[in-house]
Protein backbone atom coordinates (compact mmCIF):
# COMPACT_ATOMS: atom_id res chain seq x y z
CA MET A 1 96.97 81.54 84.35
CA LYS A 2 97.68 82.73 87.88
CA ALA A 3 99.43 86.06 88.61
CA ASP A 4 100.92 86.68 92.05
CA LEU A 5 99.47 89.64 93.87
CA PHE A 6 101.93 92.29 95.07
CA LYS A 7 101.87 95.42 97.19
CA LEU A 8 102.75 98.83 95.82
CA GLU A 9 106.11 98.91 97.62
CA MET A 10 107.37 95.65 96.12
CA THR A 11 109.86 95.90 93.28
CA SER A 12 109.40 92.48 91.62
CA ALA A 13 106.60 90.29 90.50
CA LYS A 14 106.14 87.02 88.64
CA ILE A 15 103.54 85.38 86.46
CA ILE A 16 103.03 81.62 86.68
CA ILE A 17 101.71 79.93 83.54
CA LEU A 18 100.64 76.29 83.50
CA ASP A 19 100.07 74.79 80.05
CA LYS A 20 99.55 71.29 78.66
CA THR A 21 101.52 70.17 75.64
CA ASN A 22 101.62 66.59 74.26
CA GLY A 23 99.79 65.40 77.37
CA LEU A 24 102.37 66.85 79.80
CA PHE A 25 101.97 69.88 82.02
CA HIS A 26 104.70 72.54 81.83
CA LEU A 27 105.22 75.24 84.45
CA HIS A 28 106.63 78.58 83.23
CA VAL A 29 107.68 81.24 85.65
CA ILE A 30 108.21 84.68 84.29
CA GLN A 31 109.87 87.12 86.75
CA PHE A 32 110.27 90.81 86.06
CA ILE A 33 111.28 93.91 87.93
CA ILE A 34 108.92 96.81 88.44
CA ASN A 35 110.41 100.13 89.40
CA TYR A 36 107.58 101.69 91.32
CA ASN A 37 109.58 104.74 92.27
CA HIS A 38 110.07 105.43 88.59
CA LEU A 39 106.41 104.68 87.85
CA LEU A 40 105.21 107.11 90.55
CA SER A 41 107.67 109.77 89.63
CA THR A 42 106.48 109.81 86.08
CA THR A 43 102.82 110.27 87.20
CA ALA A 44 101.28 112.83 89.50
CA MET A 45 102.04 112.18 93.16
CA THR A 46 98.93 114.11 94.21
CA SER A 47 95.34 113.75 93.19
CA GLY A 48 93.92 115.81 90.37
CA THR A 49 91.37 118.58 90.69
CA ILE A 50 87.69 117.67 90.35
CA ILE A 51 84.97 120.17 89.39
CA PHE A 52 81.33 118.95 89.69
CA LEU A 53 78.64 121.08 88.00
CA ASN A 54 75.30 120.27 89.56
CA GLY A 55 72.02 121.61 88.26
CA THR A 56 68.68 120.64 86.71
CA SER A 57 68.14 119.56 83.22
CA SER A 58 68.41 122.50 80.81
CA SER A 59 70.40 124.62 83.25
CA GLY A 60 73.31 124.83 80.84
CA LYS A 61 75.82 122.59 82.60
CA THR A 62 77.15 121.00 79.41
CA THR A 63 77.82 124.30 77.66
CA ILE A 64 79.59 125.70 80.76
CA LEU A 65 81.66 122.50 80.99
CA LYS A 66 82.74 122.84 77.38
CA ASN A 67 83.72 126.47 77.96
CA LEU A 68 85.77 125.43 81.10
CA GLN A 69 87.63 122.85 79.06
CA GLN A 70 88.65 125.45 76.56
CA LYS A 71 89.59 128.11 79.10
CA LEU A 72 91.36 126.17 81.79
CA ASP A 73 95.16 126.06 81.43
CA LEU A 74 95.49 122.42 82.46
CA PRO A 75 93.76 119.57 80.66
CA PHE A 76 90.50 118.46 82.24
CA LEU A 77 88.71 115.25 81.25
CA GLU A 78 85.01 115.29 80.85
CA LEU A 79 83.74 112.40 82.92
CA GLY A 80 80.21 113.33 83.98
CA LEU A 81 76.70 112.05 83.79
CA ASP A 82 76.10 112.89 80.12
CA LYS A 83 79.12 110.81 79.10
CA PHE A 84 78.01 107.81 81.11
CA ILE A 85 74.44 107.97 79.89
CA TRP A 86 75.56 108.03 76.32
CA MET A 87 77.47 104.79 76.85
CA LEU A 88 74.15 103.01 77.12
CA PRO A 89 72.59 101.13 74.16
CA ARG A 90 70.34 103.55 72.28
CA ARG A 91 67.25 101.52 73.00
CA TYR A 92 67.51 102.66 76.63
CA PHE A 93 66.76 106.23 75.57
CA ASN A 94 63.13 105.23 74.95
CA GLN A 95 60.35 104.17 77.16
CA PRO A 96 59.94 101.86 79.02
CA LEU A 97 63.66 101.18 79.37
CA TRP A 98 64.46 104.86 80.02
CA ASP A 99 62.45 104.65 83.27
CA ASP A 100 65.14 102.32 84.61
CA VAL A 101 67.71 105.03 84.01
CA LEU A 102 66.38 108.57 84.67
CA GLY A 103 63.04 108.41 82.93
CA LYS A 104 61.12 109.66 85.99
CA ALA A 105 63.23 112.85 85.93
CA ASN A 106 63.32 113.36 89.75
CA ALA A 107 64.13 109.71 90.66
CA ALA A 108 66.45 107.16 89.23
CA GLY A 109 65.79 103.53 88.36
CA GLN A 110 68.14 100.66 89.32
CA LEU A 111 70.29 101.11 86.21
CA GLY A 112 70.47 104.81 86.81
CA HIS A 113 71.85 104.20 90.36
CA GLN A 114 74.41 101.70 89.07
CA LEU A 115 75.46 104.14 86.31
CA VAL A 116 75.97 107.04 88.74
CA PHE A 117 77.83 104.99 91.39
CA ALA A 118 80.11 103.70 88.64
CA MET A 119 80.65 107.22 87.41
CA HIS A 120 81.61 108.37 90.96
CA ARG A 121 84.18 105.57 91.23
CA SER A 122 85.58 106.25 87.78
CA ILE A 123 86.14 109.83 88.67
CA HIS A 124 87.69 108.83 92.03
CA ALA A 125 90.12 106.41 90.17
CA ALA A 126 91.06 108.91 87.49
CA ALA A 127 91.66 111.70 89.91
CA LYS A 128 93.90 109.48 92.04
CA THR A 129 96.25 109.17 89.14
CA GLY A 130 96.57 112.96 89.02
CA LEU A 131 94.10 113.57 86.16
CA ASN A 132 91.81 116.63 86.38
CA ILE A 133 88.15 116.00 85.97
CA LEU A 134 85.12 117.97 84.92
CA ALA A 135 81.72 116.31 85.58
CA ASP A 136 78.12 117.40 85.08
CA HIS A 137 75.68 116.03 87.61
CA VAL A 138 71.99 116.08 88.60
CA PHE A 139 71.65 115.45 92.32
CA VAL A 140 68.09 114.02 92.21
CA GLU A 141 68.94 111.27 94.64
CA PRO A 142 70.19 111.96 98.23
CA ASP A 143 72.27 108.78 98.03
CA TRP A 144 74.27 110.35 95.22
CA VAL A 145 75.10 113.37 97.44
CA ARG A 146 76.14 111.03 100.27
CA ASP A 147 78.27 108.87 97.96
CA CYS A 148 80.11 111.99 96.64
CA ALA A 149 80.70 113.26 100.18
CA VAL A 150 82.21 109.94 101.22
CA LEU A 151 84.33 109.54 98.12
CA PHE A 152 85.57 113.14 97.54
CA HIS A 153 85.78 114.96 100.87
CA ASN A 154 89.56 114.34 101.03
CA PHE A 155 90.09 115.35 97.38
CA ASN A 156 90.62 118.73 95.79
CA ALA A 157 86.97 118.41 94.60
CA TYR A 158 84.78 121.50 94.02
CA LEU A 159 81.03 121.33 93.98
CA VAL A 160 79.60 124.15 91.77
CA GLY A 161 75.87 124.87 91.71
CA VAL A 162 74.36 125.87 88.30
CA ARG A 163 71.24 127.87 89.15
CA CYS A 164 68.59 129.18 86.78
CA ASP A 165 65.01 130.48 87.29
CA LEU A 166 62.37 127.88 86.67
CA SER A 167 60.61 129.98 84.01
CA ILE A 168 63.81 130.16 81.93
CA LEU A 169 64.35 126.39 82.33
CA GLU A 170 60.88 125.69 81.12
CA GLU A 171 61.30 127.97 78.12
CA ARG A 172 64.56 126.08 77.27
CA GLU A 173 62.71 122.79 77.49
CA LYS A 174 60.09 123.93 75.03
CA SER A 175 62.74 125.11 72.54
CA ARG A 176 64.84 121.99 72.66
CA LYS A 177 63.74 118.82 70.93
CA ASP A 178 65.80 116.48 73.16
CA ARG A 179 64.17 117.56 76.45
CA THR A 180 61.19 116.04 78.30
CA LEU A 181 58.68 118.77 79.18
CA GLY A 182 58.30 119.09 82.96
CA GLN A 183 61.64 117.60 83.74
CA ALA A 184 63.22 120.75 85.13
CA ARG A 185 60.19 121.48 87.36
CA LEU A 186 60.33 117.98 88.81
CA GLN A 187 64.05 118.37 89.56
CA TYR A 188 64.04 121.98 90.63
CA GLU A 189 63.67 121.55 94.43
CA LYS A 190 65.54 118.24 94.72
CA VAL A 191 68.76 119.04 92.88
CA HIS A 192 69.89 121.74 95.24
CA ALA A 193 68.31 120.32 98.44
CA HIS A 194 71.64 119.47 100.02
CA GLY A 195 72.11 123.22 100.45
CA ILE A 196 75.84 123.86 100.18
CA TYR A 197 78.23 124.63 97.33
CA ASP A 198 81.77 125.84 97.00
CA PHE A 199 80.62 128.25 94.31
CA GLU A 200 77.45 129.02 92.36
CA VAL A 201 76.65 130.50 88.98
CA ASP A 202 73.35 131.62 87.39
CA SER A 203 72.92 130.52 83.80
CA GLY A 204 69.79 132.61 83.44
CA LYS A 205 71.65 135.85 84.14
CA HIS A 206 75.02 135.12 82.50
CA SER A 207 76.27 133.33 79.38
CA ALA A 208 78.04 130.04 79.59
CA GLU A 209 81.32 131.76 78.74
CA GLU A 210 80.80 134.19 81.56
CA ASN A 211 79.82 131.48 83.99
CA ALA A 212 82.99 129.52 83.08
CA GLN A 213 85.13 132.59 83.68
CA GLN A 214 83.49 133.20 87.05
CA ILE A 215 84.34 129.59 88.05
CA ILE A 216 87.93 130.03 86.87
CA ASP A 217 88.29 133.30 88.80
CA PHE A 218 86.99 131.49 91.89
CA LEU A 219 89.47 128.71 91.45
CA ASN A 220 92.29 131.13 90.96
CA SER A 221 91.37 132.91 94.18
CA GLY A 222 92.92 129.96 96.07
CA THR A 223 89.78 129.25 98.11
CA PRO A 224 89.90 125.59 99.09
CA PRO A 225 86.89 123.30 98.51
CA ARG A 226 84.70 122.76 101.56
CA ALA A 227 81.31 121.50 100.35
CA PHE A 228 82.04 117.79 100.31
CA ASN A 229 83.95 118.02 103.57
CA HIS A 230 80.97 119.71 105.21
CA LEU A 231 78.54 117.12 103.81
CA SER A 232 80.89 114.36 104.97
CA SER A 233 80.98 115.81 108.50
CA SER A 234 77.17 116.04 108.37
CA LEU A 235 77.07 112.33 107.66
CA SER A 236 79.42 111.63 110.59
CA ASP A 237 77.11 113.55 112.87
CA ASN A 238 74.11 111.51 111.56
CA LEU A 239 72.54 114.60 110.05
CA LYS A 240 70.20 114.14 107.14
CA ILE A 241 71.46 115.59 103.90
């Protein structure tokens, strides 16, 4: 089956089907009208809002994200790293396969890179339709920061840093059975190395609910996002980020 390609502004399309019946080929042309003006008017004409929460393992990103989903007036989809990792077959959560994902804690394997780049493009595509997105992230790779800067600098995309003292992170690791000891220490310097955020919270000093409210208050202040735009400009100037 061959389908004609068409541009967004076109109002008609056709599907050409070639089938073989009783030894003879038959050509079927199905033409239909697409009202793109109606299609676009029933979806958001502008991109949705994106909120990235970046921090180390055990910094409390997931709990803050859940609180944001409950508190924000508009619906926000959760489309972050945790969601994408849990799409993997369960055998990849164990060594040695986990090393190809994020098993080294402060460096990703090939599958980990593929997963994150796919996540970025999924967020980009969803936001372009007008959907609002919440995404947890762990910027252990400079390429991930660069990729986000390129993809999201023209979007209403906020980069929020989730900070926490290392001693508290290590205590959380010890108390949680699903954490690898030493992971937070390995990530601690790398995750925030790009050096700029639109807003920051401290999960060691405030509860997840308080952190979520602080982020909402910041959003309601009307301050436009600038972090990805700044990072994108740094790339243009050949600066290392």
